[in-house]
Amino acid sequence: MRRRAGSHGMCADKRHALERLASDSDAISLYLGSIEWALGENYPTVQEIRDNFSAKQLECNGIFIDREFNGETLFSQPQYIFHNCKGIIRVGLDTDTPNIPFYYFANGCEMTVRSAADYPFPIRVPLLVYGKNSISTENSENIAFNIKNFTVK
């Protein structure tokens, strides 16, 4: 696994961390800590994630695979990752923390992103789209989506 990570250009520090993984929680933390690299390299693949982790393990860390959403509000995690998901999500500012998460989409998502609330001031929400996905947004007076598209190797 370390060799394959190296062939994808994973830095030495992360490869050493990969060797020292002691738990599924450590593996998920490593994935989240290098999410932009991981999604851009398609490493691990979505199938490898499916095969090695339960939906519960992933979802409590803001990672969703093959999930259909029906307007759920998601903003308590620092980031959310969607693989092959469908449906509608509501996003924005978690006023309790305050936190505006990063939202990552990969592996064929077909989603609509809407505001979770009418905010008293303008906010910008980052949406990072890796590869072929269909992401539509509904801007409003106080929310705008900053969409960045990336290719996958």
C-alpha atoms as a PDB file:
ATOM      1  CA  MET A   1       0.000   0.000   0.000  1.00  0.00           C
ATOM      2  CA  ARG A   2       2.871   2.380   0.846  1.00  0.00           C
ATOM      3  CA  ARG A   3       4.519   1.692  -2.511  1.00  0.00           C
ATOM      4  CA  ARG A   4       1.288   2.435  -4.364  1.00  0.00           C
ATOM      5  CA  ALA A   5       0.876   5.653  -2.367  1.00  0.00           C
ATOM      6  CA  GLY A   6       4.398   6.648  -3.376  1.00  0.00           C
ATOM      7  CA  SER A   7       3.634   5.970  -7.029  1.00  0.00           C
ATOM      8  CA  HIS A   8       0.768   8.467  -6.684  1.00  0.00           C
ATOM      9  CA  GLY A   9       3.171  11.079  -5.330  1.00  0.00           C
ATOM     10  CA  MET A  10       2.299  10.881  -1.632  1.00  0.00           C
ATOM     11  CA  CYS A  11       4.903  12.766   0.397  1.00  0.00           C
ATOM     12  CA  ALA A  12       7.326  10.833   2.624  1.00  0.00           C
ATOM     13  CA  ASP A  13       5.719  12.039   5.874  1.00  0.00           C
ATOM     14  CA  LYS A  14       2.290  10.780   4.835  1.00  0.00           C
ATOM     15  CA  ARG A  15       3.747   7.472   3.552  1.00  0.00           C
ATOM     16  CA  HIS A  16       5.406   6.914   6.937  1.00  0.00           C
ATOM     17  CA  ALA A  17       2.120   7.764   8.668  1.00  0.00           C
ATOM     18  CA  LEU A  18       0.426   5.220   6.390  1.00  0.00           C
ATOM     19  CA  GLU A  19       2.850   2.529   7.620  1.00  0.00           C
ATOM     20  CA  ARG A  20       2.125   3.366  11.260  1.00  0.00           C
ATOM     21  CA  LEU A  21      -1.675   3.238  11.081  1.00  0.00           C
ATOM     22  CA  ALA A  22      -2.946   1.565  14.227  1.00  0.00           C
ATOM     23  CA  SER A  23      -6.695   1.854  13.706  1.00  0.00           C
ATOM     24  CA  ASP A  24      -9.458   2.683  11.260  1.00  0.00           C
ATOM     25  CA  SER A  25      -9.755   6.035  13.001  1.00  0.00           C
ATOM     26  CA  ASP A  26      -6.091   6.770  12.212  1.00  0.00           C
ATOM     27  CA  ALA A  27      -6.664   5.833   8.557  1.00  0.00           C
ATOM     28  CA  ILE A  28      -9.684   8.129   8.285  1.00  0.00           C
ATOM     29  CA  SER A  29      -7.747  10.981   9.928  1.00  0.00           C
ATOM     30  CA  LEU A  30      -4.885  10.510   7.458  1.00  0.00           C
ATOM     31  CA  TYR A  31      -7.362  10.558   4.561  1.00  0.00           C
ATOM     32  CA  LEU A  32      -9.031  13.730   5.824  1.00  0.00           C
ATOM     33  CA  GLY A  33      -5.656  15.374   6.438  1.00  0.00           C
ATOM     34  CA  SER A  34      -4.637  14.895   2.821  1.00  0.00           C
ATOM     35  CA  ILE A  35      -8.063  15.038   1.176  1.00  0.00           C
ATOM     36  CA  GLU A  36      -7.232  17.340  -1.730  1.00  0.00           C
ATOM     37  CA  TRP A  37      -4.249  15.205  -2.722  1.00  0.00           C
ATOM     38  CA  ALA A  38      -6.262  11.984  -2.205  1.00  0.00           C
ATOM     39  CA  LEU A  39      -9.163  13.112  -4.377  1.00  0.00           C
ATOM     40  CA  GLY A  40      -6.893  14.490  -7.082  1.00  0.00           C
ATOM     41  CA  GLU A  41      -4.920  11.243  -7.228  1.00  0.00           C
ATOM     42  CA  ASN A  42      -7.964   8.991  -6.727  1.00  0.00           C
ATOM     43  CA  TYR A  43      -6.059   7.272  -3.913  1.00  0.00           C
ATOM     44  CA  PRO A  44      -7.483   5.407  -2.206  1.00  0.00           C
ATOM     45  CA  THR A  45     -10.181   4.609  -4.725  1.00  0.00           C
ATOM     46  CA  VAL A  46     -13.805   4.867  -3.690  1.00  0.00           C
ATOM     47  CA  GLN A  47     -14.010   1.069  -3.958  1.00  0.00           C
ATOM     48  CA  GLU A  48     -11.109   0.672  -1.520  1.00  0.00           C
ATOM     49  CA  ILE A  49     -12.883   2.989   0.906  1.00  0.00           C
ATOM     50  CA  ARG A  50     -16.139   1.018   0.525  1.00  0.00           C
ATOM     51  CA  ASP A  51     -14.292  -2.258   1.130  1.00  0.00           C
ATOM     52  CA  ASN A  52     -12.423  -1.137   4.245  1.00  0.00           C
ATOM     53  CA  PHE A  53     -14.786   1.097   6.215  1.00  0.00           C
ATOM     54  CA  SER A  54     -18.403   1.011   7.320  1.00  0.00           C
ATOM     55  CA  ALA A  55     -20.803   3.789   6.394  1.00  0.00           C
ATOM     56  CA  LYS A  56     -21.111   4.629  10.105  1.00  0.00           C
ATOM     57  CA  GLN A  57     -17.320   5.028  10.506  1.00  0.00           C
ATOM     58  CA  LEU A  58     -17.214   7.327   7.502  1.00  0.00           C
ATOM     59  CA  GLU A  59     -20.345   9.365   8.053  1.00  0.00           C
ATOM     60  CA  CYS A  60     -19.460  10.358  11.620  1.00  0.00           C
ATOM     61  CA  ASN A  61     -16.355  11.950  10.039  1.00  0.00           C
ATOM     62  CA  GLY A  62     -18.271  13.732   7.272  1.00  0.00           C
ATOM     63  CA  ILE A  63     -17.498  11.217   4.496  1.00  0.00           C
ATOM     64  CA  PHE A  64     -20.419   9.899   2.467  1.00  0.00           C
ATOM     65  CA  ILE A  65     -20.447   7.182  -0.182  1.00  0.00           C
ATOM     66  CA  ASP A  66     -23.422   6.165  -2.356  1.00  0.00           C
ATOM     67  CA  ARG A  67     -25.819   8.177  -0.205  1.00  0.00           C
ATOM     68  CA  GLU A  68     -29.034   9.860  -1.297  1.00  0.00           C
ATOM     69  CA  PHE A  69     -29.740  13.150   0.490  1.00  0.00           C
ATOM     70  CA  ASN A  70     -33.118  14.777   0.983  1.00  0.00           C
ATOM     71  CA  GLY A  71     -32.317  18.292   2.183  1.00  0.00           C
ATOM     72  CA  GLU A  72     -30.131  17.450   5.181  1.00  0.00           C
ATOM     73  CA  THR A  73     -28.241  20.368   6.737  1.00  0.00           C
ATOM     74  CA  LEU A  74     -24.501  19.727   6.914  1.00  0.00           C
ATOM     75  CA  PHE A  75     -22.183  22.246   8.518  1.00  0.00           C
ATOM     76  CA  SER A  76     -20.924  20.973  11.897  1.00  0.00           C
ATOM     77  CA  GLN A  77     -17.799  19.228  10.492  1.00  0.00           C
ATOM     78  CA  PRO A  78     -14.799  21.172   9.137  1.00  0.00           C
ATOM     79  CA  GLN A  79     -15.199  19.368   5.796  1.00  0.00           C
ATOM     80  CA  TYR A  80     -17.562  17.020   4.009  1.00  0.00           C
ATOM     81  CA  ILE A  81     -16.615  14.547   1.309  1.00  0.00           C
ATOM     82  CA  PHE A  82     -19.186  13.062  -1.070  1.00  0.00           C
ATOM     83  CA  HIS A  83     -18.473  10.066  -3.320  1.00  0.00           C
ATOM     84  CA  ASN A  84     -21.189   9.028  -5.792  1.00  0.00           C
ATOM     85  CA  CYS A  85     -23.913  10.790  -3.801  1.00  0.00           C
ATOM     86  CA  LYS A  86     -27.216  12.150  -5.056  1.00  0.00           C
ATOM     87  CA  GLY A  87     -29.869  14.569  -3.876  1.00  0.00           C
ATOM     88  CA  ILE A  88     -30.097  17.896  -2.059  1.00  0.00           C
ATOM     89  CA  ILE A  89     -28.026  19.216   0.848  1.00  0.00           C
ATOM     90  CA  ARG A  90     -28.246  22.467   2.786  1.00  0.00           C
ATOM     91  CA  VAL A  91     -24.976  24.124   3.739  1.00  0.00           C
ATOM     92  CA  GLY A  92     -23.627  27.294   5.267  1.00  0.00           C
ATOM     93  CA  LEU A  93     -22.280  28.767   8.462  1.00  0.00           C
ATOM     94  CA  ASP A  94     -22.406  26.873  11.739  1.00  0.00           C
ATOM     95  CA  THR A  95     -22.976  29.854  14.029  1.00  0.00           C
ATOM     96  CA  ASP A  96     -22.163  27.781  17.136  1.00  0.00           C
ATOM     97  CA  THR A  97     -18.512  27.229  16.160  1.00  0.00           C
ATOM     98  CA  PRO A  98     -18.414  29.528  13.802  1.00  0.00           C
ATOM     99  CA  ASN A  99     -17.430  27.327  10.887  1.00  0.00           C
ATOM    100  CA  ILE A 100     -17.984  27.291   7.134  1.00  0.00           C
ATOM    101  CA  PRO A 101     -16.926  23.828   5.979  1.00  0.00           C
ATOM    102  CA  PHE A 102     -15.276  22.845   2.731  1.00  0.00           C
ATOM    103  CA  TYR A 103     -17.457  20.539   0.617  1.00  0.00           C
ATOM    104  CA  TYR A 104     -15.744  18.009  -1.683  1.00  0.00           C
ATOM    105  CA  PHE A 105     -17.520  16.083  -4.472  1.00  0.00           C
ATOM    106  CA  ALA A 106     -16.069  13.112  -6.383  1.00  0.00           C
ATOM    107  CA  ASN A 107     -16.940   9.945  -8.270  1.00  0.00           C
ATOM    108  CA  GLY A 108     -20.142  10.909 -10.045  1.00  0.00           C
ATOM    109  CA  CYS A 109     -22.125  12.972  -7.553  1.00  0.00           C
ATOM    110  CA  GLU A 110     -25.414  14.453  -8.767  1.00  0.00           C
ATOM    111  CA  MET A 111     -26.305  17.003  -6.122  1.00  0.00           C
ATOM    112  CA  THR A 112     -28.023  20.307  -5.513  1.00  0.00           C
ATOM    113  CA  VAL A 113     -26.541  22.581  -2.855  1.00  0.00           C
ATOM    114  CA  ARG A 114     -28.756  25.125  -1.079  1.00  0.00           C
ATOM    115  CA  SER A 115     -28.386  27.563   1.790  1.00  0.00           C
ATOM    116  CA  ALA A 116     -29.159  26.249   5.267  1.00  0.00           C
ATOM    117  CA  ALA A 117     -30.430  29.618   6.525  1.00  0.00           C
ATOM    118  CA  ASP A 118     -31.011  33.282   5.751  1.00  0.00           C
ATOM    119  CA  TYR A 119     -27.801  34.769   7.093  1.00  0.00           C
ATOM    120  CA  PRO A 120     -27.689  38.374   8.356  1.00  0.00           C
ATOM    121  CA  PHE A 121     -24.471  38.943   6.382  1.00  0.00           C
ATOM    122  CA  PRO A 122     -23.008  37.537   3.166  1.00  0.00           C
ATOM    123  CA  ILE A 123     -21.077  34.261   3.322  1.00  0.00           C
ATOM    124  CA  ARG A 124     -19.114  32.305   0.707  1.00  0.00           C
ATOM    125  CA  VAL A 125     -19.157  28.521   0.759  1.00  0.00           C
ATOM    126  CA  PRO A 126     -16.327  26.560  -0.939  1.00  0.00           C
ATOM    127  CA  LEU A 127     -17.351  23.647  -3.178  1.00  0.00           C
ATOM    128  CA  LEU A 128     -14.456  21.593  -4.555  1.00  0.00           C
ATOM    129  CA  VAL A 129     -15.417  19.273  -7.403  1.00  0.00           C
ATOM    130  CA  TYR A 130     -13.064  16.460  -8.465  1.00  0.00           C
ATOM    131  CA  GLY A 131     -13.701  14.866 -11.840  1.00  0.00           C
ATOM    132  CA  LYS A 132     -17.083  14.323 -13.474  1.00  0.00           C
ATOM    133  CA  ASN A 133     -19.932  15.346 -11.182  1.00  0.00           C
ATOM    134  CA  SER A 134     -23.127  17.332 -11.615  1.00  0.00           C
ATOM    135  CA  ILE A 135     -23.343  19.952  -8.874  1.00  0.00           C
ATOM    136  CA  SER A 136     -25.976  22.672  -9.058  1.00  0.00           C
ATOM    137  CA  THR A 137     -26.297  25.527  -6.587  1.00  0.00           C
ATOM    138  CA  GLU A 138     -28.948  27.955  -5.526  1.00  0.00           C
ATOM    139  CA  ASN A 139     -27.344  31.265  -4.612  1.00  0.00           C
ATOM    140  CA  SER A 140     -29.345  33.659  -2.487  1.00  0.00           C
ATOM    141  CA  GLU A 141     -28.885  37.219  -1.270  1.00  0.00           C
ATOM    142  CA  ASN A 142     -26.540  36.235   1.552  1.00  0.00           C
ATOM    143  CA  ILE A 143     -24.831  33.097   0.296  1.00  0.00           C
ATOM    144  CA  ALA A 144     -22.607  32.513  -2.692  1.00  0.00           C
ATOM    145  CA  PHE A 145     -20.848  29.323  -3.689  1.00  0.00           C
ATOM    146  CA  ASN A 146     -17.202  29.395  -4.675  1.00  0.00           C
ATOM    147  CA  ILE A 147     -16.936  26.389  -7.019  1.00  0.00           C
ATOM    148  CA  LYS A 148     -13.535  25.048  -8.047  1.00  0.00           C
ATOM    149  CA  ASN A 149     -13.222  22.167 -10.492  1.00  0.00           C
ATOM    150  CA  PHE A 150     -10.258  19.803 -10.460  1.00  0.00           C
ATOM    151  CA  THR A 151      -9.169  16.972 -12.727  1.00  0.00           C
ATOM    152  CA  VAL A 152      -8.462  13.523 -11.338  1.00  0.00           C
ATOM    153  CA  LYS A 153      -5.402  11.530 -12.352  1.00  0.00           C
END
